[in-house]
Protein backbone atom coordinates (compact mmCIF):
# COMPACT_ATOMS: atom_id res chain seq x y z
CA UNK A 1 0.00 0.00 0.00
CA UNK A 2 1.53 3.34 -1.12
CA UNK A 3 1.06 6.31 1.17
CA UNK A 4 -0.72 9.27 -0.47
CA UNK A 5 1.08 12.41 0.69
CA UNK A 6 -1.78 14.57 -0.59
CA UNK A 7 -4.04 12.98 2.03
CA UNK A 8 -1.54 13.13 4.89
CA UNK A 9 -0.79 16.79 4.14
CA UNK A 10 -4.49 17.69 4.20
CA UNK A 11 -4.97 15.77 7.44
CA UNK A 12 -1.96 17.56 8.94
CA UNK A 13 -3.44 20.91 7.95
CA UNK A 14 -6.75 20.23 9.67
CA UNK A 15 -7.80 22.96 12.11
CA UNK A 16 -10.44 23.68 14.73
CA UNK A 17 -12.06 27.01 15.58
CA UNK A 18 -12.10 27.33 19.37
CA UNK A 19 -14.06 29.96 21.29
CA UNK A 20 -12.78 30.52 24.84
CA UNK A 21 -15.01 32.22 27.43
CA UNK A 22 -14.45 32.70 31.12
CA UNK A 23 -16.60 30.35 33.17
CA UNK A 24 -19.40 32.19 35.06
CA UNK A 25 -18.10 30.66 38.29
CA UNK A 26 -14.79 32.51 37.77
CA UNK A 27 -16.26 35.97 37.25
CA UNK A 28 -14.84 38.67 39.51
CA UNK A 29 -15.95 41.57 37.31
CA UNK A 30 -19.44 42.82 36.52
CA UNK A 31 -18.61 42.79 32.82
CA UNK A 32 -16.95 39.59 31.51
CA UNK A 33 -14.01 39.83 29.11
CA UNK A 34 -14.90 39.23 25.46
CA UNK A 35 -14.44 35.72 24.07
CA UNK A 36 -11.10 34.67 22.61
CA UNK A 37 -11.18 32.96 19.22
CA UNK A 38 -8.25 30.81 18.11
CA UNK A 39 -7.64 28.64 15.05
CA UNK A 40 -5.93 25.54 16.42
CA UNK A 41 -4.22 22.65 14.67
CA UNK A 42 -6.09 19.37 15.21
CA UNK A 43 -2.81 17.59 15.95
CA UNK A 44 -1.93 20.08 18.68
CA UNK A 45 -2.68 20.10 22.42
CA UNK A 46 -4.45 22.69 24.57
CA UNK A 47 -1.49 23.34 26.94
CA UNK A 48 0.50 24.67 23.98
CA UNK A 49 -1.98 27.55 23.70
CA UNK A 50 -2.73 28.41 27.33
CA UNK A 51 -0.39 31.42 27.41
CA UNK A 52 -2.65 33.23 24.92
CA UNK A 53 -5.69 32.28 26.99
CA UNK A 54 -4.06 33.47 30.23
CA UNK A 55 -3.08 36.79 28.68
CA UNK A 56 -6.56 37.37 27.33
CA UNK A 57 -8.31 36.63 30.64
CA UNK A 58 -5.65 38.12 32.95
CA UNK A 59 -8.15 40.65 34.30
CA UNK A 60 -10.11 37.93 36.13
CA UNK A 61 -7.08 36.10 37.54
CA UNK A 62 -5.85 36.47 41.09
CA UNK A 63 -2.87 38.79 41.46
CA UNK A 64 -0.36 36.01 42.15
CA UNK A 65 -1.23 34.38 38.81
CA UNK A 66 -0.39 30.91 40.07
CA UNK A 67 -3.77 29.32 39.44
CA UNK A 68 -3.72 26.17 37.32
CA UNK A 69 -5.79 26.72 34.21
CA UNK A 70 -8.24 24.07 33.03
CA UNK A 71 -11.07 23.86 30.53
CA UNK A 72 -14.51 22.33 30.06
CA UNK A 73 -17.13 21.92 27.35
CA UNK A 74 -20.74 21.87 28.57
CA UNK A 75 -19.47 21.24 32.10
CA UNK A 76 -17.29 18.29 31.07
CA UNK A 77 -13.56 18.79 31.82
CA UNK A 78 -11.21 18.50 28.84
CA UNK A 79 -8.25 16.13 29.12
CA UNK A 80 -5.14 18.09 28.13
CA UNK A 81 -3.33 14.99 26.83
CA UNK A 82 -5.95 14.37 24.11
CA UNK A 83 -5.25 16.04 20.74
CA UNK A 84 -7.45 19.06 20.08
CA UNK A 85 -9.01 17.38 17.04
CA UNK A 86 -10.10 14.47 19.20
CA UNK A 87 -11.77 16.85 21.66
CA UNK A 88 -13.58 18.49 18.75
CA UNK A 89 -14.78 15.13 17.38
CA UNK A 90 -15.89 13.82 20.77
CA UNK A 91 -17.72 16.91 22.01
CA UNK A 92 -18.99 18.49 18.79
CA UNK A 93 -19.37 15.91 16.00
CA UNK A 94 -22.45 14.27 17.50
CA UNK A 95 -24.37 17.54 17.36
CA UNK A 96 -22.60 18.80 14.24
CA UNK A 97 -21.33 21.96 15.95
CA UNK A 98 -18.67 23.81 13.96
CA UNK A 99 -16.99 25.62 16.88
CA UNK A 100 -15.40 24.15 20.01
CA UNK A 101 -16.90 26.29 22.79
CA UNK A 102 -14.54 26.11 25.75
CA UNK A 103 -15.09 27.43 29.28
CA UNK A 104 -11.95 28.66 31.04
CA UNK A 105 -11.27 28.03 34.75
CA UNK A 106 -8.52 29.16 37.11
CA UNK A 107 -9.90 27.66 40.33
CA UNK A 108 -11.36 24.42 41.73
CA UNK A 109 -9.21 22.08 39.64
CA UNK A 110 -11.10 18.76 39.20
CA UNK A 111 -8.48 16.38 40.60
CA UNK A 112 -10.70 13.32 40.27
CA UNK A 113 -10.99 13.49 36.48
CA UNK A 114 -7.98 15.51 35.27
CA UNK A 115 -4.22 15.08 35.65
CA UNK A 116 -2.27 18.08 36.91
CA UNK A 117 0.04 19.58 34.28
CA UNK A 118 3.25 20.69 36.00
CA UNK A 119 4.91 22.22 32.92
CA UNK A 120 5.11 21.93 29.14
CA UNK A 121 7.75 19.23 29.42
CA UNK A 122 4.97 16.98 30.72
CA UNK A 123 2.96 17.27 27.51
CA UNK A 124 6.07 16.45 25.45
CA UNK A 125 6.72 13.42 27.66
CA UNK A 126 3.10 12.31 27.29
CA UNK A 127 3.29 12.69 23.51
CA UNK A 128 6.51 10.68 23.27
CA UNK A 129 5.13 7.99 25.58
CA UNK A 130 2.05 7.58 23.35
CA UNK A 131 4.25 7.55 20.23
CA UNK A 132 6.40 4.78 21.73
CA UNK A 133 3.27 2.79 22.59
CA UNK A 134 2.07 3.14 19.00
CA UNK A 135 5.39 1.94 17.61
CA UNK A 136 5.41 -0.99 20.03
CA UNK A 137 2.10 -2.05 18.49
CA UNK A 138 3.27 -1.49 14.90
CA UNK A 139 6.91 -2.66 15.05
CA UNK A 140 7.47 -4.01 18.60
CA UNK A 141 9.16 -0.68 19.31
CA UNK A 142 12.07 -1.37 16.96
CA UNK A 143 11.70 1.84 14.91
CA UNK A 144 11.29 4.40 17.69
CA UNK A 145 14.07 2.77 19.71
CA UNK A 146 16.44 2.96 16.74
CA UNK A 147 16.00 6.75 16.55
CA UNK A 148 18.28 9.14 18.38
CA UNK A 149 17.22 11.92 20.73
CA UNK A 150 17.52 14.63 18.05
CA UNK A 151 15.02 12.74 15.88
CA UNK A 152 12.61 12.46 18.80
CA UNK A 153 12.98 16.21 19.41
CA UNK A 154 12.37 16.93 15.73
CA UNK A 155 9.06 15.06 15.88
CA UNK A 156 7.92 17.13 18.86
CA UNK A 157 9.26 20.49 17.70
CA UNK A 158 7.82 20.13 14.19
CA UNK A 159 4.45 19.25 15.74
CA UNK A 160 4.59 22.41 17.86
CA UNK A 161 5.48 24.60 14.87
CA UNK A 162 3.18 22.81 12.42
CA UNK A 163 6.01 21.89 10.05
CA UNK A 164 4.66 18.98 7.97
CA UNK A 165 7.86 18.32 5.99
CA UNK A 166 10.15 18.14 9.03
CA UNK A 167 7.68 15.97 10.90
CA UNK A 168 7.13 13.49 8.07
CA UNK A 169 10.83 13.25 7.24
CA UNK A 170 11.05 11.33 10.54
CA UNK A 171 7.50 10.00 10.84
CA UNK A 172 7.78 8.17 7.51
CA UNK A 173 10.05 5.66 9.25
CA UNK A 174 7.25 4.95 11.74
CA UNK A 175 4.93 4.18 8.83
CA UNK A 176 7.07 1.38 7.42
CA UNK A 177 5.55 -2.12 7.42
CA UNK A 178 6.42 -4.71 10.05
CA UNK A 179 9.32 -6.92 9.00
CA UNK A 180 8.50 -8.86 5.79
CA UNK A 181 4.79 -8.05 5.65
CA UNK A 182 2.58 -5.52 3.88
CA UNK A 183 1.11 -4.03 7.05
CA UNK A 184 1.79 -3.11 10.66
CA UNK A 185 1.81 -5.82 13.31
CA UNK A 186 -1.14 -4.18 15.09
CA UNK A 187 -3.08 -0.97 14.51
CA UNK A 188 -2.71 1.69 17.24
CA UNK A 189 -6.37 2.56 17.73
CA UNK A 190 -8.43 4.32 20.38
CA UNK A 191 -12.21 4.56 20.30
CA UNK A 192 -14.23 7.27 22.03
CA UNK A 193 -17.79 6.33 22.89
CA UNK A 194 -19.93 8.31 25.32
CA UNK A 195 -16.72 10.18 26.24
CA UNK A 196 -15.11 6.94 27.42
CA UNK A 197 -11.89 5.71 25.81
CA UNK A 198 -11.57 2.12 24.62
CA UNK A 199 -8.39 0.56 23.26
CA UNK A 200 -8.51 -2.79 21.48
CA UNK A 201 -5.74 -4.96 20.07
CA UNK A 202 -6.51 -5.27 16.37
CA UNK A 203 -4.47 -6.75 13.54
CA UNK A 204 -4.71 -5.10 10.09
CA UNK A 205 -4.88 -8.50 8.31
CA UNK A 206 -7.24 -11.36 9.16
CA UNK A 207 -6.40 -15.07 9.33
CA UNK A 208 -7.25 -15.44 5.61
CA UNK A 209 -4.74 -12.75 4.67
CA UNK A 210 -7.42 -10.16 3.86
CA UNK A 211 -7.19 -6.54 4.95
CA UNK A 212 -9.47 -5.80 7.90
CA UNK A 213 -11.83 -2.91 7.19
CA UNK A 214 -13.23 -0.43 9.69
CA UNK A 215 -16.60 -2.17 9.29
CA UNK A 216 -15.04 -5.57 10.04
CA UNK A 217 -13.48 -4.22 13.20
CA UNK A 218 -16.63 -2.45 14.39
CA UNK A 219 -18.67 -5.61 13.80
CA UNK A 220 -16.34 -7.46 16.19
CA UNK A 221 -16.44 -4.50 18.58
CA UNK A 222 -20.24 -4.42 18.62
CA UNK A 223 -22.95 -6.39 16.85
CA UNK A 224 -24.71 -3.06 16.36
CA UNK A 225 -21.88 -1.65 14.23
CA UNK A 226 -24.34 -0.54 11.54
CA UNK A 227 -25.85 1.82 14.10
CA UNK A 228 -22.55 3.66 14.59
CA UNK A 229 -21.17 6.70 12.84
CA UNK A 230 -17.35 6.78 13.02
CA UNK A 231 -15.66 10.21 13.01
CA UNK A 232 -11.97 11.09 12.80
CA UNK A 233 -10.49 14.50 11.94
CA UNK A 234 -14.07 15.69 11.50
CA UNK A 235 -14.63 13.15 8.69
CA UNK A 236 -17.44 10.60 8.60
CA UNK A 237 -15.41 7.47 7.83
CA UNK A 238 -16.69 4.88 5.32
CA UNK A 239 -16.91 1.40 6.81
CA UNK A 240 -15.26 -0.31 3.83
CA UNK A 241 -11.90 1.44 4.22
CA UNK A 242 -9.03 -0.81 5.43
CA UNK A 243 -7.69 -0.05 8.90
CA UNK A 244 -4.17 -0.21 7.50
CA UNK A 245 -4.93 2.66 5.11
CA UNK A 246 -6.53 4.68 7.90
CA UNK A 247 -3.53 4.11 10.15
CA UNK A 248 -1.09 5.21 7.45
CA UNK A 249 -3.04 8.29 6.36
CA UNK A 250 -5.27 9.45 9.22
CA UNK A 251 -3.35 8.74 12.40
CA UNK A 252 -2.65 11.74 14.60
CA UNK A 253 0.90 12.88 15.20
CA UNK A 254 1.10 10.42 18.11
CA UNK A 255 0.61 7.63 15.50
CA UNK A 256 -2.70 6.53 16.98
CA UNK A 257 -5.99 6.39 15.10
CA UNK A 258 -8.47 8.29 17.27
CA UNK A 259 -12.07 7.51 16.27
CA UNK A 260 -15.21 8.92 17.90
CA UNK A 261 -18.29 6.70 17.71
CA UNK A 262 -21.86 8.00 17.72
CA UNK A 263 -25.09 6.03 17.48
CA UNK A 264 -27.14 6.99 14.45
């Protein structure tokens, strides 16, 4: 299977319009600050953009400025380690909303459902950890472990800056097939259903040597697969597309396929 760079470049360029407003529970002023609108890369992560949010809403922050910022959509806290595009698909695709409306908080951090973010190094570590997990599934970790630290840094830095060419000059190695086959060993895949995350071990080729399609996988996942709509990168995925093709072309920068499921 030959990778189509036209598709991967378009996927890389996918963006989300986010509207940030201060949560009513945070209001210290009679007149709230105006909303902040940002165009965010789907592959990116919210902590990479919090400085702009802090600056915009600085008037409602305490003077010491040490509050830990966190976000919610419709009262549901957003996990900072999920790519922004995944958050958009999970919270907006079901209702077909075109803007990710985010409430901003500086107090009452929800410890029970969110992980504290100590610094930006933590998001880089989380990204690399997920990338290593993906390569362990695809190549038993052989590819990522053969790379040096500068190559790892190039993956992260090019993600932060949105540089497709620099990212894919390294990421192409992670898209090579497993040993002497025409596919990965397993497909790194996470499903999001009712805001819960499910991860299944799935091979791209069945016991008869046929490519496993998204529909094949969903049928094994649930007998009601025909009642599901599968969304990734804001796209309604056809059920007859092979998982191997999806993994090569529509994985996020962390090399995982992130698919949101909605009942039709």
